[in-house]
Each structure stands twice: as structure tokens, then as C-alpha cells.
Amino acid sequence: MKKHSKRTKRGKFTKFEKVLFAITIMALLSYPFMSIFAKSTLSEMNYKLESDKEKIALQNKNNESLKMKINELASLENLQSVAKKMGLSYTSNSIKTIDK
């Protein structure tokens, strides 16, 4: 008894085998391009991340500088000198204490 195969003639492939072969070839040919694309995208994201980290560090330095400037301007000595320039005087009688 002979087994019948799906191949009708010697060397011919079925439609399923042809589709499977085409998909395999396309996957093998597209893999290098997809790999390069993924690596370049990752590299670009890392570059942007480092750039953003630098911007954040610079902004933190600016914030610290501004905090120091606020503390300097709000100091008692500065307030007294500004008040004196504007003609205001400081006497202990003019200070009122409010208790809770």
C-alpha cells in the first residue's frame, strides 16, 4: 500500500508550504532592519534622557540660587536697611505681640 502525499508532482510545494516559506524568508530578511531600528530608538531615548537630566540639574542649581537670594532679601539686616532708606524708624514701643 502506497501512502499518498499532498505533493502531486515531484518538487512541487503545496500552497501552505509556499506561504510558510515566504513568511520565513520575510522574517529572516527583516530581522536585521528591525534590530537596527530598535537599537537606534533606544540610543535616541537614552540621549534625550541624559539631556533632560542635565536640564533638571541646572534648574535645581537655579532654584537653590533663588532660595539663597530670597533668604538674603528677607534677612533682618536687609529689612532694617530698607526701612531706614525709606525713612522708617524702629522702636521697641512700636512692636505689638499677639498671643493665641
N, C-alpha and C. Protein backbone atom coordinates (compact mmCIF):
# COMPACT_ATOMS: atom_id res chain seq x y z
N MET A 1 0.82 -1.17 0.00
CA MET A 1 0.00 0.00 0.00
C MET A 1 0.88 1.25 0.00
N LYS A 2 0.60 2.15 -0.91
CA LYS A 2 1.36 3.39 -1.01
C LYS A 2 0.62 4.49 -0.29
N LYS A 3 1.41 5.30 0.41
CA LYS A 3 0.81 6.47 1.06
C LYS A 3 0.77 7.60 0.05
N HIS A 4 -0.35 8.27 0.03
CA HIS A 4 -0.48 9.41 -0.87
C HIS A 4 -0.03 10.67 -0.13
N SER A 5 0.87 11.41 -0.71
CA SER A 5 1.29 12.67 -0.10
C SER A 5 0.54 13.82 -0.76
N LYS A 6 0.65 14.98 -0.17
CA LYS A 6 -0.05 16.15 -0.71
C LYS A 6 0.63 16.67 -1.96
N ARG A 7 1.85 16.26 -2.16
CA ARG A 7 2.56 16.70 -3.35
C ARG A 7 2.08 15.87 -4.54
N THR A 8 1.66 16.55 -5.53
CA THR A 8 1.13 15.85 -6.70
C THR A 8 2.24 15.45 -7.65
N LYS A 9 3.20 16.32 -7.82
CA LYS A 9 4.31 16.01 -8.69
C LYS A 9 5.59 16.21 -7.90
N ARG A 10 6.63 15.59 -8.34
CA ARG A 10 7.90 15.69 -7.65
C ARG A 10 8.43 17.12 -7.72
N GLY A 11 8.82 17.70 -6.53
CA GLY A 11 9.39 19.04 -6.48
C GLY A 11 8.37 20.14 -6.33
N LYS A 12 7.12 19.86 -6.38
CA LYS A 12 6.09 20.89 -6.21
C LYS A 12 5.76 21.02 -4.74
N PHE A 13 5.49 22.25 -4.31
CA PHE A 13 5.12 22.51 -2.93
C PHE A 13 3.64 22.87 -2.84
N THR A 14 3.05 22.59 -1.70
CA THR A 14 1.65 22.96 -1.51
C THR A 14 1.56 24.45 -1.25
N LYS A 15 0.36 24.96 -1.31
CA LYS A 15 0.13 26.39 -1.09
C LYS A 15 0.56 26.78 0.33
N PHE A 16 0.25 25.96 1.32
CA PHE A 16 0.63 26.22 2.71
C PHE A 16 2.14 26.29 2.86
N GLU A 17 2.86 25.36 2.21
CA GLU A 17 4.32 25.33 2.28
C GLU A 17 4.93 26.57 1.64
N LYS A 18 4.34 27.02 0.55
CA LYS A 18 4.83 28.23 -0.11
C LYS A 18 4.65 29.46 0.78
N VAL A 19 3.47 29.57 1.40
CA VAL A 19 3.19 30.71 2.29
C VAL A 19 4.12 30.66 3.50
N LEU A 20 4.30 29.50 4.09
CA LEU A 20 5.18 29.33 5.23
C LEU A 20 6.62 29.70 4.86
N PHE A 21 7.06 29.26 3.70
CA PHE A 21 8.41 29.58 3.22
C PHE A 21 8.56 31.09 3.01
N ALA A 22 7.55 31.74 2.43
CA ALA A 22 7.61 33.18 2.18
C ALA A 22 7.66 33.96 3.50
N ILE A 23 6.86 33.54 4.46
CA ILE A 23 6.85 34.22 5.77
C ILE A 23 8.20 34.05 6.46
N THR A 24 8.78 32.88 6.37
CA THR A 24 10.08 32.63 6.99
C THR A 24 11.17 33.49 6.35
N ILE A 25 11.18 33.56 5.04
CA ILE A 25 12.17 34.39 4.33
C ILE A 25 11.99 35.86 4.70
N MET A 26 10.75 36.34 4.74
CA MET A 26 10.50 37.74 5.09
C MET A 26 10.96 38.04 6.52
N ALA A 27 10.72 37.12 7.45
CA ALA A 27 11.14 37.31 8.84
C ALA A 27 12.65 37.35 8.94
N LEU A 28 13.32 36.45 8.23
CA LEU A 28 14.78 36.43 8.28
C LEU A 28 15.40 37.68 7.67
N LEU A 29 14.78 38.20 6.61
CA LEU A 29 15.32 39.39 5.96
C LEU A 29 15.00 40.67 6.74
N SER A 30 13.88 40.69 7.43
CA SER A 30 13.51 41.92 8.14
C SER A 30 14.11 42.00 9.54
N TYR A 31 14.58 40.89 10.10
CA TYR A 31 15.14 40.91 11.45
C TYR A 31 16.30 41.90 11.61
N PRO A 32 17.30 41.92 10.73
CA PRO A 32 18.40 42.88 10.91
C PRO A 32 17.92 44.34 10.91
N PHE A 33 16.96 44.65 10.05
CA PHE A 33 16.46 46.03 9.99
C PHE A 33 15.70 46.39 11.27
N MET A 34 14.89 45.45 11.76
CA MET A 34 14.15 45.71 12.98
C MET A 34 15.10 45.85 14.17
N SER A 35 16.14 45.06 14.18
CA SER A 35 17.13 45.13 15.26
C SER A 35 17.85 46.47 15.25
N ILE A 36 18.26 46.92 14.09
CA ILE A 36 18.94 48.22 13.98
C ILE A 36 18.00 49.35 14.37
N PHE A 37 16.75 49.28 13.94
CA PHE A 37 15.77 50.30 14.29
C PHE A 37 15.55 50.36 15.79
N ALA A 38 15.44 49.20 16.43
CA ALA A 38 15.22 49.16 17.88
C ALA A 38 16.42 49.74 18.63
N LYS A 39 17.62 49.40 18.19
CA LYS A 39 18.83 49.92 18.85
C LYS A 39 18.97 51.42 18.65
N SER A 40 18.64 51.93 17.48
CA SER A 40 18.75 53.37 17.25
C SER A 40 17.69 54.12 18.06
N THR A 41 16.50 53.55 18.20
CA THR A 41 15.46 54.18 19.01
C THR A 41 15.88 54.21 20.47
N LEU A 42 16.46 53.14 20.96
CA LEU A 42 16.93 53.08 22.34
C LEU A 42 18.04 54.11 22.56
N SER A 43 18.94 54.23 21.62
CA SER A 43 20.03 55.20 21.72
C SER A 43 19.49 56.63 21.76
N GLU A 44 18.51 56.92 20.92
CA GLU A 44 17.90 58.25 20.90
C GLU A 44 17.21 58.56 22.23
N MET A 45 16.52 57.58 22.78
CA MET A 45 15.84 57.79 24.07
C MET A 45 16.85 58.02 25.19
N ASN A 46 17.96 57.29 25.17
CA ASN A 46 19.00 57.49 26.18
C ASN A 46 19.60 58.89 26.07
N TYR A 47 19.79 59.36 24.85
CA TYR A 47 20.32 60.71 24.64
C TYR A 47 19.36 61.75 25.21
N LYS A 48 18.07 61.59 24.93
CA LYS A 48 17.08 62.53 25.45
C LYS A 48 17.02 62.48 26.97
N LEU A 49 17.15 61.29 27.54
CA LEU A 49 17.12 61.13 28.99
C LEU A 49 18.28 61.87 29.63
N GLU A 50 19.46 61.71 29.09
CA GLU A 50 20.64 62.41 29.63
C GLU A 50 20.49 63.91 29.48
N SER A 51 19.96 64.36 28.37
CA SER A 51 19.73 65.79 28.15
C SER A 51 18.75 66.34 29.18
N ASP A 52 17.68 65.60 29.44
CA ASP A 52 16.70 66.03 30.44
C ASP A 52 17.29 66.03 31.84
N LYS A 53 18.15 65.06 32.15
CA LYS A 53 18.80 65.03 33.46
C LYS A 53 19.68 66.27 33.65
N GLU A 54 20.38 66.68 32.61
CA GLU A 54 21.22 67.88 32.68
C GLU A 54 20.36 69.13 32.90
N LYS A 55 19.23 69.19 32.20
CA LYS A 55 18.33 70.34 32.38
C LYS A 55 17.78 70.39 33.80
N ILE A 56 17.44 69.24 34.35
CA ILE A 56 16.91 69.19 35.72
C ILE A 56 17.98 69.63 36.71
N ALA A 57 19.21 69.17 36.53
CA ALA A 57 20.30 69.56 37.43
C ALA A 57 20.53 71.07 37.37
N LEU A 58 20.50 71.64 36.17
CA LEU A 58 20.67 73.08 36.01
C LEU A 58 19.54 73.85 36.68
N GLN A 59 18.31 73.37 36.53
CA GLN A 59 17.17 74.04 37.15
C GLN A 59 17.25 73.94 38.68
N ASN A 60 17.72 72.81 39.19
CA ASN A 60 17.90 72.67 40.64
C ASN A 60 18.92 73.67 41.17
N LYS A 61 19.99 73.89 40.43
CA LYS A 61 21.00 74.88 40.83
C LYS A 61 20.39 76.28 40.83
N ASN A 62 19.60 76.58 39.80
CA ASN A 62 18.94 77.89 39.74
C ASN A 62 17.98 78.07 40.91
N ASN A 63 17.23 77.01 41.25
CA ASN A 63 16.30 77.08 42.37
C ASN A 63 17.04 77.35 43.68
N GLU A 64 18.16 76.67 43.89
CA GLU A 64 18.94 76.88 45.11
C GLU A 64 19.46 78.32 45.17
N SER A 65 19.91 78.82 44.03
CA SER A 65 20.40 80.19 43.98
C SER A 65 19.29 81.18 44.32
N LEU A 66 18.10 80.93 43.79
CA LEU A 66 16.96 81.82 44.08
C LEU A 66 16.54 81.72 45.54
N LYS A 67 16.60 80.54 46.13
CA LYS A 67 16.28 80.40 47.56
C LYS A 67 17.25 81.19 48.42
N MET A 68 18.53 81.13 48.05
CA MET A 68 19.54 81.89 48.79
C MET A 68 19.28 83.39 48.65
N LYS A 69 18.88 83.82 47.48
CA LYS A 69 18.59 85.24 47.25
C LYS A 69 17.37 85.67 48.08
N ILE A 70 16.35 84.81 48.15
CA ILE A 70 15.17 85.12 48.97
C ILE A 70 15.55 85.24 50.43
N ASN A 71 16.35 84.30 50.92
CA ASN A 71 16.79 84.36 52.32
C ASN A 71 17.60 85.62 52.60
N GLU A 72 18.42 85.99 51.64
CA GLU A 72 19.24 87.20 51.80
C GLU A 72 18.36 88.45 51.86
N LEU A 73 17.37 88.52 50.97
CA LEU A 73 16.50 89.69 50.94
C LEU A 73 15.56 89.74 52.15
N ALA A 74 15.22 88.59 52.71
CA ALA A 74 14.30 88.55 53.85
C ALA A 74 15.03 88.63 55.19
N SER A 75 16.33 88.77 55.17
CA SER A 75 17.07 88.82 56.44
C SER A 75 16.72 90.10 57.20
N LEU A 76 16.88 90.03 58.52
CA LEU A 76 16.54 91.16 59.38
C LEU A 76 17.39 92.39 59.05
N GLU A 77 18.67 92.17 58.80
CA GLU A 77 19.57 93.30 58.48
C GLU A 77 19.12 94.01 57.20
N ASN A 78 18.73 93.25 56.21
CA ASN A 78 18.29 93.84 54.95
C ASN A 78 16.99 94.61 55.15
N LEU A 79 16.07 94.01 55.90
CA LEU A 79 14.80 94.69 56.15
C LEU A 79 15.02 96.01 56.89
N GLN A 80 15.93 95.99 57.86
CA GLN A 80 16.22 97.23 58.61
C GLN A 80 16.87 98.28 57.71
N SER A 81 17.76 97.86 56.83
CA SER A 81 18.42 98.84 55.96
C SER A 81 17.42 99.42 54.95
N VAL A 82 16.49 98.61 54.44
CA VAL A 82 15.48 99.11 53.50
C VAL A 82 14.54 100.06 54.23
N ALA A 83 14.15 99.70 55.45
CA ALA A 83 13.27 100.57 56.24
C ALA A 83 13.94 101.90 56.53
N LYS A 84 15.21 101.88 56.85
CA LYS A 84 15.95 103.11 57.16
C LYS A 84 16.04 104.00 55.92
N LYS A 85 16.26 103.38 54.73
CA LYS A 85 16.35 104.14 53.49
C LYS A 85 15.02 104.81 53.17
N MET A 86 13.92 104.18 53.55
CA MET A 86 12.59 104.71 53.26
C MET A 86 12.09 105.67 54.34
N GLY A 87 12.94 105.92 55.35
CA GLY A 87 12.58 106.87 56.39
C GLY A 87 11.77 106.28 57.52
N LEU A 88 11.73 105.01 57.63
CA LEU A 88 11.01 104.38 58.73
C LEU A 88 11.97 104.16 59.88
N SER A 89 11.44 104.22 61.09
CA SER A 89 12.31 104.02 62.23
C SER A 89 11.83 102.81 63.03
N TYR A 90 12.76 102.21 63.75
CA TYR A 90 12.46 101.02 64.52
C TYR A 90 12.57 101.38 66.01
N THR A 91 11.48 101.22 66.70
CA THR A 91 11.50 101.40 68.16
C THR A 91 10.79 100.20 68.77
N SER A 92 11.24 99.82 69.94
CA SER A 92 10.64 98.66 70.58
C SER A 92 9.22 98.94 71.04
N ASN A 93 8.83 100.22 71.17
CA ASN A 93 7.46 100.58 71.58
C ASN A 93 6.47 100.30 70.46
N SER A 94 6.94 100.27 69.20
CA SER A 94 6.01 100.09 68.08
C SER A 94 5.74 98.62 67.78
N ILE A 95 6.36 97.71 68.51
CA ILE A 95 6.18 96.29 68.30
C ILE A 95 5.06 95.79 69.20
N LYS A 96 4.10 95.12 68.59
CA LYS A 96 2.98 94.56 69.35
C LYS A 96 3.03 93.05 69.23
N THR A 97 2.80 92.38 70.35
CA THR A 97 2.79 90.92 70.38
C THR A 97 1.37 90.42 70.49
N ILE A 98 1.03 89.45 69.68
CA ILE A 98 -0.32 88.88 69.71
C ILE A 98 -0.20 87.46 70.21
N ASP A 99 -0.93 87.16 71.28
CA ASP A 99 -0.94 85.81 71.83
C ASP A 99 -2.14 85.06 71.28
N LYS A 100 -1.99 83.79 71.15
CA LYS A 100 -3.07 82.96 70.61
C LYS A 100 -4.06 82.62 71.68
